[in-house]
């Protein structure tokens, strides 16, 4: 099943390798990116604050067509198709906002 830019896997395979990425928004209202490690099967996003984060899987759209992740909230435990490479694009109206990107392969 496909939802937006990624495919949802109906029956998840076991995951063994976790990667934790803590990315700090360096400049307000400036898109940044994070490439998921090869073989990622599952991801979760957490906003450590202090401001909301706008994110998407399409370059240049984190300011126009995005999902909002409010401070101290998470999105995910989402199973994804391992045959595709994923890059997360994100920005925040406030510099120094931290997004935690947890992936499992």
PDB file of N, CA and C in Angstrom:
ATOM      1  N   UNK A   1       0.858  -1.165   0.000  1.00  0.00           N
ATOM      2  CA  UNK A   1       0.000   0.000   0.000  1.00  0.00           C
ATOM      3  C   UNK A   1       0.906   1.231   0.000  1.00  0.00           C
ATOM      4  N   UNK A   2       0.558   2.236  -0.786  1.00  0.00           N
ATOM      5  CA  UNK A   2       1.345   3.458  -0.842  1.00  0.00           C
ATOM      6  C   UNK A   2       0.572   4.599  -0.213  1.00  0.00           C
ATOM      7  N   UNK A   3       1.232   5.341   0.667  1.00  0.00           N
ATOM      8  CA  UNK A   3       0.654   6.522   1.303  1.00  0.00           C
ATOM      9  C   UNK A   3       1.629   7.663   1.066  1.00  0.00           C
ATOM     10  N   UNK A   4       1.205   8.641   0.304  1.00  0.00           N
ATOM     11  CA  UNK A   4       2.089   9.769   0.014  1.00  0.00           C
ATOM     12  C   UNK A   4       3.327   9.310  -0.719  1.00  0.00           C
ATOM     13  N   UNK A   5       4.496   9.634  -0.175  1.00  0.00           N
ATOM     14  CA  UNK A   5       5.762   9.340  -0.839  1.00  0.00           C
ATOM     15  C   UNK A   5       6.374   8.017  -0.418  1.00  0.00           C
ATOM     16  N   UNK A   6       5.716   7.254   0.449  1.00  0.00           N
ATOM     17  CA  UNK A   6       6.316   6.003   0.881  1.00  0.00           C
ATOM     18  C   UNK A   6       5.302   4.882   0.918  1.00  0.00           C
ATOM     19  N   UNK A   7       5.815   3.663   0.866  1.00  0.00           N
ATOM     20  CA  UNK A   7       4.968   2.476   0.877  1.00  0.00           C
ATOM     21  C   UNK A   7       4.899   1.901   2.284  1.00  0.00           C
ATOM     22  N   UNK A   8       3.723   1.471   2.671  1.00  0.00           N
ATOM     23  CA  UNK A   8       3.523   0.868   3.983  1.00  0.00           C
ATOM     24  C   UNK A   8       3.550  -0.642   3.807  1.00  0.00           C
ATOM     25  N   UNK A   9       4.350  -1.305   4.615  1.00  0.00           N
ATOM     26  CA  UNK A   9       4.478  -2.756   4.545  1.00  0.00           C
ATOM     27  C   UNK A   9       3.457  -3.382   5.484  1.00  0.00           C
ATOM     28  N   UNK A  10       2.619  -4.285   4.943  1.00  0.00           N
ATOM     29  CA  UNK A  10       1.546  -4.878   5.736  1.00  0.00           C
ATOM     30  C   UNK A  10       2.071  -5.846   6.793  1.00  0.00           C
ATOM     31  N   UNK A  11       3.051  -6.667   6.457  1.00  0.00           N
ATOM     32  CA  UNK A  11       3.614  -7.621   7.406  1.00  0.00           C
ATOM     33  C   UNK A  11       5.083  -7.277   7.621  1.00  0.00           C
ATOM     34  N   UNK A  12       5.409  -6.668   8.752  1.00  0.00           N
ATOM     35  CA  UNK A  12       6.787  -6.228   8.959  1.00  0.00           C
ATOM     36  C   UNK A  12       7.752  -7.388   9.185  1.00  0.00           C
ATOM     37  N   UNK A  13       8.960  -7.221   8.656  1.00  0.00           N
ATOM     38  CA  UNK A  13      10.041  -8.150   8.931  1.00  0.00           C
ATOM     39  C   UNK A  13      10.680  -7.745  10.248  1.00  0.00           C
ATOM     40  N   UNK A  14      11.355  -8.679  10.919  1.00  0.00           N
ATOM     41  CA  UNK A  14      12.031  -8.304  12.153  1.00  0.00           C
ATOM     42  C   UNK A  14      13.140  -7.278  11.878  1.00  0.00           C
ATOM     43  N   UNK A  15      13.327  -6.369  12.789  1.00  0.00           N
ATOM     44  CA  UNK A  15      14.373  -5.363  12.651  1.00  0.00           C
ATOM     45  C   UNK A  15      15.444  -5.630  13.696  1.00  0.00           C
ATOM     46  N   UNK A  16      16.701  -5.342  13.341  1.00  0.00           N
ATOM     47  CA  UNK A  16      17.789  -5.666  14.245  1.00  0.00           C
ATOM     48  C   UNK A  16      18.727  -4.502  14.521  1.00  0.00           C
ATOM     49  N   UNK A  17      18.825  -3.545  13.612  1.00  0.00           N
ATOM     50  CA  UNK A  17      19.793  -2.466  13.755  1.00  0.00           C
ATOM     51  C   UNK A  17      19.087  -1.132  13.922  1.00  0.00           C
ATOM     52  N   UNK A  18      19.333  -0.459  15.042  1.00  0.00           N
ATOM     53  CA  UNK A  18      18.735   0.849  15.281  1.00  0.00           C
ATOM     54  C   UNK A  18      19.778   1.934  15.053  1.00  0.00           C
ATOM     55  N   UNK A  19      19.341   3.018  14.422  1.00  0.00           N
ATOM     56  CA  UNK A  19      20.164   4.212  14.251  1.00  0.00           C
ATOM     57  C   UNK A  19      19.388   5.386  14.810  1.00  0.00           C
ATOM     58  N   UNK A  20      20.032   6.192  15.635  1.00  0.00           N
ATOM     59  CA  UNK A  20      19.393   7.379  16.192  1.00  0.00           C
ATOM     60  C   UNK A  20      20.095   8.598  15.625  1.00  0.00           C
ATOM     61  N   UNK A  21      19.335   9.422  14.917  1.00  0.00           N
ATOM     62  CA  UNK A  21      19.876  10.653  14.365  1.00  0.00           C
ATOM     63  C   UNK A  21      19.255  11.839  15.070  1.00  0.00           C
ATOM     64  N   UNK A  22      20.066  12.663  15.689  1.00  0.00           N
ATOM     65  CA  UNK A  22      19.581  13.891  16.313  1.00  0.00           C
ATOM     66  C   UNK A  22      20.068  15.052  15.462  1.00  0.00           C
ATOM     67  N   UNK A  23      19.136  15.687  14.769  1.00  0.00           N
ATOM     68  CA  UNK A  23      19.480  16.769  13.853  1.00  0.00           C
ATOM     69  C   UNK A  23      18.979  18.086  14.427  1.00  0.00           C
ATOM     70  N   UNK A  24      19.845  19.076  14.455  1.00  0.00           N
ATOM     71  CA  UNK A  24      19.482  20.404  14.931  1.00  0.00           C
ATOM     72  C   UNK A  24      19.244  21.307  13.742  1.00  0.00           C
ATOM     73  N   UNK A  25      18.105  21.995  13.730  1.00  0.00           N
ATOM     74  CA  UNK A  25      17.817  22.961  12.668  1.00  0.00           C
ATOM     75  C   UNK A  25      18.766  24.136  12.867  1.00  0.00           C
ATOM     76  N   UNK A  26      19.687  24.301  11.937  1.00  0.00           N
ATOM     77  CA  UNK A  26      20.722  25.333  12.069  1.00  0.00           C
ATOM     78  C   UNK A  26      20.169  26.736  11.827  1.00  0.00           C
ATOM     79  N   UNK A  27      19.345  26.882  10.802  1.00  0.00           N
ATOM     80  CA  UNK A  27      18.788  28.190  10.445  1.00  0.00           C
ATOM     81  C   UNK A  27      17.271  28.100  10.359  1.00  0.00           C
ATOM     82  N   UNK A  28      16.589  29.076  10.897  1.00  0.00           N
ATOM     83  CA  UNK A  28      15.127  29.103  10.835  1.00  0.00           C
ATOM     84  C   UNK A  28      14.655  29.174   9.389  1.00  0.00           C
ATOM     85  N   UNK A  29      13.559  28.457   9.098  1.00  0.00           N
ATOM     86  CA  UNK A  29      12.904  28.484   7.792  1.00  0.00           C
ATOM     87  C   UNK A  29      13.826  28.120   6.637  1.00  0.00           C
ATOM     88  N   UNK A  30      14.772  27.222   6.895  1.00  0.00           N
ATOM     89  CA  UNK A  30      15.700  26.749   5.867  1.00  0.00           C
ATOM     90  C   UNK A  30      15.644  25.232   5.827  1.00  0.00           C
ATOM     91  N   UNK A  31      15.329  24.690   4.657  1.00  0.00           N
ATOM     92  CA  UNK A  31      15.182  23.242   4.535  1.00  0.00           C
ATOM     93  C   UNK A  31      16.508  22.523   4.731  1.00  0.00           C
ATOM     94  N   UNK A  32      16.452  21.449   5.498  1.00  0.00           N
ATOM     95  CA  UNK A  32      17.580  20.553   5.707  1.00  0.00           C
ATOM     96  C   UNK A  32      17.125  19.153   5.317  1.00  0.00           C
ATOM     97  N   UNK A  33      18.075  18.231   5.206  1.00  0.00           N
ATOM     98  CA  UNK A  33      17.703  16.871   4.823  1.00  0.00           C
ATOM     99  C   UNK A  33      18.453  15.845   5.665  1.00  0.00           C
ATOM    100  N   UNK A  34      17.866  14.658   5.727  1.00  0.00           N
ATOM    101  CA  UNK A  34      18.465  13.532   6.434  1.00  0.00           C
ATOM    102  C   UNK A  34      18.172  12.280   5.612  1.00  0.00           C
ATOM    103  N   UNK A  35      19.207  11.594   5.156  1.00  0.00           N
ATOM    104  CA  UNK A  35      19.036  10.361   4.387  1.00  0.00           C
ATOM    105  C   UNK A  35      18.911   9.185   5.352  1.00  0.00           C
ATOM    106  N   UNK A  36      17.856   8.413   5.220  1.00  0.00           N
ATOM    107  CA  UNK A  36      17.703   7.224   6.040  1.00  0.00           C
ATOM    108  C   UNK A  36      18.814   6.232   5.681  1.00  0.00           C
ATOM    109  N   UNK A  37      19.355   5.526   6.669  1.00  0.00           N
ATOM    110  CA  UNK A  37      20.379   4.523   6.377  1.00  0.00           C
ATOM    111  C   UNK A  37      19.827   3.454   5.430  1.00  0.00           C
ATOM    112  N   UNK A  38      20.710   2.882   4.644  1.00  0.00           N
ATOM    113  CA  UNK A  38      20.336   1.828   3.705  1.00  0.00           C
ATOM    114  C   UNK A  38      19.659   0.677   4.445  1.00  0.00           C
ATOM    115  N   UNK A  39      18.585   0.159   3.860  1.00  0.00           N
ATOM    116  CA  UNK A  39      17.883  -0.980   4.453  1.00  0.00           C
ATOM    117  C   UNK A  39      16.894  -0.626   5.551  1.00  0.00           C
ATOM    118  N   UNK A  40      16.634   0.665   5.757  1.00  0.00           N
ATOM    119  CA  UNK A  40      15.693   1.067   6.806  1.00  0.00           C
ATOM    120  C   UNK A  40      14.325   0.433   6.559  1.00  0.00           C
ATOM    121  N   UNK A  41      13.774  -0.176   7.590  1.00  0.00           N
ATOM    122  CA  UNK A  41      12.451  -0.809   7.514  1.00  0.00           C
ATOM    123  C   UNK A  41      11.393  -0.075   8.333  1.00  0.00           C
ATOM    124  N   UNK A  42      11.849   0.703   9.307  1.00  0.00           N
ATOM    125  CA  UNK A  42      10.905   1.365  10.219  1.00  0.00           C
ATOM    126  C   UNK A  42      11.521   2.691  10.652  1.00  0.00           C
ATOM    127  N   UNK A  43      10.663   3.702  10.846  1.00  0.00           N
ATOM    128  CA  UNK A  43      11.175   4.960  11.368  1.00  0.00           C
ATOM    129  C   UNK A  43      10.199   5.593  12.345  1.00  0.00           C
ATOM    130  N   UNK A  44      10.747   6.494  13.157  1.00  0.00           N
ATOM    131  CA  UNK A  44       9.963   7.292  14.093  1.00  0.00           C
ATOM    132  C   UNK A  44      10.631   8.654  14.181  1.00  0.00           C
ATOM    133  N   UNK A  45       9.820   9.710  14.245  1.00  0.00           N
ATOM    134  CA  UNK A  45      10.318  11.074  14.402  1.00  0.00           C
ATOM    135  C   UNK A  45       9.859  11.610  15.744  1.00  0.00           C
ATOM    136  N   UNK A  46      10.714  12.351  16.428  1.00  0.00           N
ATOM    137  CA  UNK A  46      10.347  12.988  17.690  1.00  0.00           C
ATOM    138  C   UNK A  46      10.873  14.415  17.668  1.00  0.00           C
ATOM    139  N   UNK A  47      10.020  15.365  18.028  1.00  0.00           N
ATOM    140  CA  UNK A  47      10.416  16.777  18.073  1.00  0.00           C
ATOM    141  C   UNK A  47      10.767  17.133  19.513  1.00  0.00           C
ATOM    142  N   UNK A  48      12.031  17.398  19.756  1.00  0.00           N
ATOM    143  CA  UNK A  48      12.476  17.784  21.102  1.00  0.00           C
ATOM    144  C   UNK A  48      12.259  19.266  21.385  1.00  0.00           C
ATOM    145  N   UNK A  49      11.822  20.021  20.390  1.00  0.00           N
ATOM    146  CA  UNK A  49      11.497  21.429  20.591  1.00  0.00           C
ATOM    147  C   UNK A  49      12.677  22.339  20.331  1.00  0.00           C
ATOM    148  N   UNK A  50      12.463  23.620  20.471  1.00  0.00           N
ATOM    149  CA  UNK A  50      11.342  24.280  21.127  1.00  0.00           C
ATOM    150  C   UNK A  50      10.186  24.664  20.202  1.00  0.00           C
ATOM    151  N   UNK A  51      10.330  24.505  18.867  1.00  0.00           N
ATOM    152  CA  UNK A  51       9.286  24.950  17.938  1.00  0.00           C
ATOM    153  C   UNK A  51       8.823  23.773  17.075  1.00  0.00           C
ATOM    154  N   UNK A  52       7.751  23.978  16.306  1.00  0.00           N
ATOM    155  CA  UNK A  52       7.261  22.918  15.444  1.00  0.00           C
ATOM    156  C   UNK A  52       8.254  22.654  14.311  1.00  0.00           C
ATOM    157  N   UNK A  53       8.141  21.450  13.747  1.00  0.00           N
ATOM    158  CA  UNK A  53       8.952  21.047  12.605  1.00  0.00           C
ATOM    159  C   UNK A  53       8.003  20.701  11.474  1.00  0.00           C
ATOM    160  N   UNK A  54       8.337  21.163  10.281  1.00  0.00           N
ATOM    161  CA  UNK A  54       7.580  20.838   9.075  1.00  0.00           C
ATOM    162  C   UNK A  54       8.420  19.828   8.304  1.00  0.00           C
ATOM    163  N   UNK A  55       7.832  18.672   7.949  1.00  0.00           N
ATOM    164  CA  UNK A  55       8.616  17.658   7.258  1.00  0.00           C
ATOM    165  C   UNK A  55       7.866  17.027   6.105  1.00  0.00           C
ATOM    166  N   UNK A  56       8.641  16.482   5.168  1.00  0.00           N
ATOM    167  CA  UNK A  56       8.103  15.833   3.980  1.00  0.00           C
ATOM    168  C   UNK A  56       9.166  14.912   3.397  1.00  0.00           C
ATOM    169  N   UNK A  57       8.796  14.117   2.404  1.00  0.00           N
ATOM    170  CA  UNK A  57       9.768  13.300   1.687  1.00  0.00           C
ATOM    171  C   UNK A  57      10.070  13.872   0.301  1.00  0.00           C
ATOM    172  N   UNK A  58       9.615  15.098   0.026  1.00  0.00           N
ATOM    173  CA  UNK A  58       9.832  15.731  -1.276  1.00  0.00           C
ATOM    174  C   UNK A  58      10.673  16.987  -1.102  1.00  0.00           C
ATOM    175  N   UNK A  59      11.791  17.044  -1.801  1.00  0.00           N
ATOM    176  CA  UNK A  59      12.690  18.204  -1.714  1.00  0.00           C
ATOM    177  C   UNK A  59      11.954  19.483  -2.094  1.00  0.00           C
ATOM    178  N   UNK A  60      12.258  20.544  -1.422  1.00  0.00           N
ATOM    179  CA  UNK A  60      11.742  21.914  -1.605  1.00  0.00           C
ATOM    180  C   UNK A  60      10.292  22.091  -1.138  1.00  0.00           C
ATOM    181  N   UNK A  61       9.664  21.064  -0.568  1.00  0.00           N
ATOM    182  CA  UNK A  61       8.265  21.198  -0.153  1.00  0.00           C
ATOM    183  C   UNK A  61       8.079  21.272   1.361  1.00  0.00           C
ATOM    184  N   UNK A  62       9.156  21.334   2.147  1.00  0.00           N
ATOM    185  CA  UNK A  62       8.993  21.365   3.599  1.00  0.00           C
ATOM    186  C   UNK A  62       8.417  22.693   4.087  1.00  0.00           C
ATOM    187  N   UNK A  63       8.308  23.671   3.201  1.00  0.00           N
ATOM    188  CA  UNK A  63       7.689  24.944   3.566  1.00  0.00           C
ATOM    189  C   UNK A  63       6.312  25.131   2.962  1.00  0.00           C
ATOM    190  N   UNK A  64       5.883  24.211   2.065  1.00  0.00           N
ATOM    191  CA  UNK A  64       4.598  24.385   1.387  1.00  0.00           C
ATOM    192  C   UNK A  64       3.657  23.189   1.525  1.00  0.00           C
ATOM    193  N   UNK A  65       4.160  21.979   1.370  1.00  0.00           N
ATOM    194  CA  UNK A  65       3.353  20.753   1.469  1.00  0.00           C
ATOM    195  C   UNK A  65       4.033  19.847   2.470  1.00  0.00           C
ATOM    196  N   UNK A  66       3.599  19.863   3.705  1.00  0.00           N
ATOM    197  CA  UNK A  66       4.336  19.206   4.780  1.00  0.00           C
ATOM    198  C   UNK A  66       3.411  18.658   5.847  1.00  0.00           C
ATOM    199  N   UNK A  67       3.992  17.848   6.713  1.00  0.00           N
ATOM    200  CA  UNK A  67       3.329  17.362   7.922  1.00  0.00           C
ATOM    201  C   UNK A  67       3.950  18.126   9.083  1.00  0.00           C
ATOM    202  N   UNK A  68       3.121  18.611  10.001  1.00  0.00           N
ATOM    203  CA  UNK A  68       3.627  19.365  11.148  1.00  0.00           C
ATOM    204  C   UNK A  68       3.857  18.436  12.322  1.00  0.00           C
ATOM    205  N   UNK A  69       5.026  18.562  12.924  1.00  0.00           N
ATOM    206  CA  UNK A  69       5.374  17.807  14.120  1.00  0.00           C
ATOM    207  C   UNK A  69       5.584  18.825  15.237  1.00  0.00           C
ATOM    208  N   UNK A  70       4.657  18.865  16.163  1.00  0.00           N
ATOM    209  CA  UNK A  70       4.694  19.864  17.234  1.00  0.00           C
ATOM    210  C   UNK A  70       5.704  19.475  18.309  1.00  0.00           C
ATOM    211  N   UNK A  71       6.193  20.446  19.090  1.00  0.00           N
ATOM    212  CA  UNK A  71       7.171  20.147  20.136  1.00  0.00           C
ATOM    213  C   UNK A  71       6.679  19.051  21.097  1.00  0.00           C
ATOM    214  N   UNK A  72       7.597  18.198  21.485  1.00  0.00           N
ATOM    215  CA  UNK A  72       7.337  17.105  22.433  1.00  0.00           C
ATOM    216  C   UNK A  72       6.302  16.102  21.929  1.00  0.00           C
ATOM    217  N   UNK A  73       6.242  15.931  20.610  1.00  0.00           N
ATOM    218  CA  UNK A  73       5.371  14.909  20.031  1.00  0.00           C
ATOM    219  C   UNK A  73       6.190  14.031  19.094  1.00  0.00           C
ATOM    220  N   UNK A  74       5.635  12.854  18.773  1.00  0.00           N
ATOM    221  CA  UNK A  74       6.320  11.966  17.841  1.00  0.00           C
ATOM    222  C   UNK A  74       5.389  11.549  16.720  1.00  0.00           C
ATOM    223  N   UNK A  75       5.999  11.093  15.647  1.00  0.00           N
ATOM    224  CA  UNK A  75       5.278  10.548  14.499  1.00  0.00           C
ATOM    225  C   UNK A  75       5.912   9.209  14.202  1.00  0.00           C
ATOM    226  N   UNK A  76       5.116   8.190  14.155  1.00  0.00           N
ATOM    227  CA  UNK A  76       5.670   6.986  13.643  1.00  0.00           C
ATOM    228  C   UNK A  76       5.606   5.731  14.438  1.00  0.00           C
ATOM    229  N   UNK A  77       6.613   4.998  14.197  1.00  0.00           N
ATOM    230  CA  UNK A  77       6.823   3.567  14.199  1.00  0.00           C
ATOM    231  C   UNK A  77       6.207   3.101  12.883  1.00  0.00           C
ATOM    232  N   UNK A  78       6.601   3.733  11.812  1.00  0.00           N
ATOM    233  CA  UNK A  78       6.055   3.453  10.491  1.00  0.00           C
ATOM    234  C   UNK A  78       6.928   2.434   9.767  1.00  0.00           C
ATOM    235  N   UNK A  79       6.301   1.382   9.269  1.00  0.00           N
ATOM    236  CA  UNK A  79       6.994   0.377   8.459  1.00  0.00           C
ATOM    237  C   UNK A  79       7.062   0.905   7.028  1.00  0.00           C
ATOM    238  N   UNK A  80       8.246   0.793   6.398  1.00  0.00           N
ATOM    239  CA  UNK A  80       8.411   1.291   5.038  1.00  0.00           C
ATOM    240  C   UNK A  80       9.039   0.237   4.131  1.00  0.00           C
ATOM    241  N   UNK A  81       8.882   0.437   2.853  1.00  0.00           N
ATOM    242  CA  UNK A  81       9.392  -0.460   1.827  1.00  0.00           C
ATOM    243  C   UNK A  81      10.910  -0.314   1.733  1.00  0.00           C
ATOM    244  N   UNK A  82      11.640  -1.401   1.911  1.00  0.00           N
ATOM    245  CA  UNK A  82      13.102  -1.332   1.906  1.00  0.00           C
ATOM    246  C   UNK A  82      13.688  -1.233   0.498  1.00  0.00           C
ATOM    247  N   UNK A  83      12.873  -1.368  -0.539  1.00  0.00           N
ATOM    248  CA  UNK A  83      13.398  -1.289  -1.905  1.00  0.00           C
ATOM    249  C   UNK A  83      13.572   0.156  -2.373  1.00  0.00           C
ATOM    250  N   UNK A  84      13.203   1.110  -1.530  1.00  0.00           N
ATOM    251  CA  UNK A  84      13.300   2.520  -1.873  1.00  0.00           C
ATOM    252  C   UNK A  84      14.213   3.238  -0.888  1.00  0.00           C
ATOM    253  N   UNK A  85      14.969   4.206  -1.375  1.00  0.00           N
ATOM    254  CA  UNK A  85      15.779   5.060  -0.491  1.00  0.00           C
ATOM    255  C   UNK A  85      14.927   6.249  -0.075  1.00  0.00           C
ATOM    256  N   UNK A  86      15.047   6.662   1.172  1.00  0.00           N
ATOM    257  CA  UNK A  86      14.240   7.760   1.679  1.00  0.00           C
ATOM    258  C   UNK A  86      15.134   8.883   2.188  1.00  0.00           C
ATOM    259  N   UNK A  87      14.742  10.101   1.847  1.00  0.00           N
ATOM    260  CA  UNK A  87      15.389  11.296   2.385  1.00  0.00           C
ATOM    261  C   UNK A  87      14.291  12.133   3.025  1.00  0.00           C
ATOM    262  N   UNK A  88      14.494  12.491   4.275  1.00  0.00           N
ATOM    263  CA  UNK A  88      13.551  13.327   5.011  1.00  0.00           C
ATOM    264  C   UNK A  88      13.987  14.785   4.859  1.00  0.00           C
ATOM    265  N   UNK A  89      13.055  15.644   4.464  1.00  0.00           N
ATOM    266  CA  UNK A  89      13.318  17.080   4.343  1.00  0.00           C
ATOM    267  C   UNK A  89      12.532  17.777   5.438  1.00  0.00           C
ATOM    268  N   UNK A  90      13.168  18.698   6.134  1.00  0.00           N
ATOM    269  CA  UNK A  90      12.498  19.335   7.266  1.00  0.00           C
ATOM    270  C   UNK A  90      13.022  20.746   7.481  1.00  0.00           C
ATOM    271  N   UNK A  91      12.208  21.538   8.197  1.00  0.00           N
ATOM    272  CA  UNK A  91      12.596  22.881   8.613  1.00  0.00           C
ATOM    273  C   UNK A  91      11.746  23.288   9.804  1.00  0.00           C
ATOM    274  N   UNK A  92      12.138  24.381  10.429  1.00  0.00           N
ATOM    275  CA  UNK A  92      11.417  24.903  11.588  1.00  0.00           C
ATOM    276  C   UNK A  92      11.480  26.424  11.547  1.00  0.00           C
ATOM    277  N   UNK A  93      10.466  27.105  12.078  1.00  0.00           N
ATOM    278  CA  UNK A  93      10.523  28.566  12.133  1.00  0.00           C
ATOM    279  C   UNK A  93      11.505  29.079  13.178  1.00  0.00           C
ATOM    280  N   UNK A  94      12.099  28.159  13.940  1.00  0.00           N
ATOM    281  CA  UNK A  94      13.036  28.545  14.993  1.00  0.00           C
ATOM    282  C   UNK A  94      14.336  27.756  14.866  1.00  0.00           C
ATOM    283  N   UNK A  95      15.461  28.467  14.836  1.00  0.00           N
ATOM    284  CA  UNK A  95      16.756  27.780  14.829  1.00  0.00           C
ATOM    285  C   UNK A  95      16.924  27.014  16.141  1.00  0.00           C
ATOM    286  N   UNK A  96      17.765  26.018  16.115  1.00  0.00           N
ATOM    287  CA  UNK A  96      18.093  25.180  17.273  1.00  0.00           C
ATOM    288  C   UNK A  96      16.970  24.242  17.705  1.00  0.00           C
ATOM    289  N   UNK A  97      15.966  24.038  16.869  1.00  0.00           N
ATOM    290  CA  UNK A  97      14.957  23.016  17.133  1.00  0.00           C
ATOM    291  C   UNK A  97      15.578  21.661  16.789  1.00  0.00           C
ATOM    292  N   UNK A  98      15.332  20.671  17.618  1.00  0.00           N
ATOM    293  CA  UNK A  98      15.965  19.362  17.435  1.00  0.00           C
ATOM    294  C   UNK A  98      14.927  18.320  17.023  1.00  0.00           C
ATOM    295  N   UNK A  99      15.230  17.604  15.938  1.00  0.00           N
ATOM    296  CA  UNK A  99      14.405  16.484  15.503  1.00  0.00           C
ATOM    297  C   UNK A  99      15.199  15.200  15.715  1.00  0.00           C
ATOM    298  N   UNK A 100      14.583  14.258  16.397  1.00  0.00           N
ATOM    299  CA  UNK A 100      15.189  12.942  16.615  1.00  0.00           C
ATOM    300  C   UNK A 100      14.614  12.017  15.563  1.00  0.00           C
ATOM    301  N   UNK A 101      15.489  11.370  14.817  1.00  0.00           N
ATOM    302  CA  UNK A 101      15.084  10.476  13.742  1.00  0.00           C
ATOM    303  C   UNK A 101      15.598   9.075  14.086  1.00  0.00           C
ATOM    304  N   UNK A 102      14.683   8.214  14.502  1.00  0.00           N
ATOM    305  CA  UNK A 102      15.038   6.843  14.867  1.00  0.00           C
ATOM    306  C   UNK A 102      14.690   5.932  13.703  1.00  0.00           C
ATOM    307  N   UNK A 103      15.647   5.122  13.252  1.00  0.00           N
ATOM    308  CA  UNK A 103      15.394   4.173  12.177  1.00  0.00           C
ATOM    309  C   UNK A 103      15.840   2.793  12.600  1.00  0.00           C
ATOM    310  N   UNK A 104      15.225   1.777  11.997  1.00  0.00           N
ATOM    311  CA  UNK A 104      15.573   0.390  12.254  1.00  0.00           C
ATOM    312  C   UNK A 104      15.707  -0.323  10.919  1.00  0.00           C
ATOM    313  N   UNK A 105      16.701  -1.170  10.820  1.00  0.00           N
ATOM    314  CA  UNK A 105      16.917  -1.961   9.605  1.00  0.00           C
ATOM    315  C   UNK A 105      16.869  -3.437   9.957  1.00  0.00           C
TER     316      UNK A 105
END
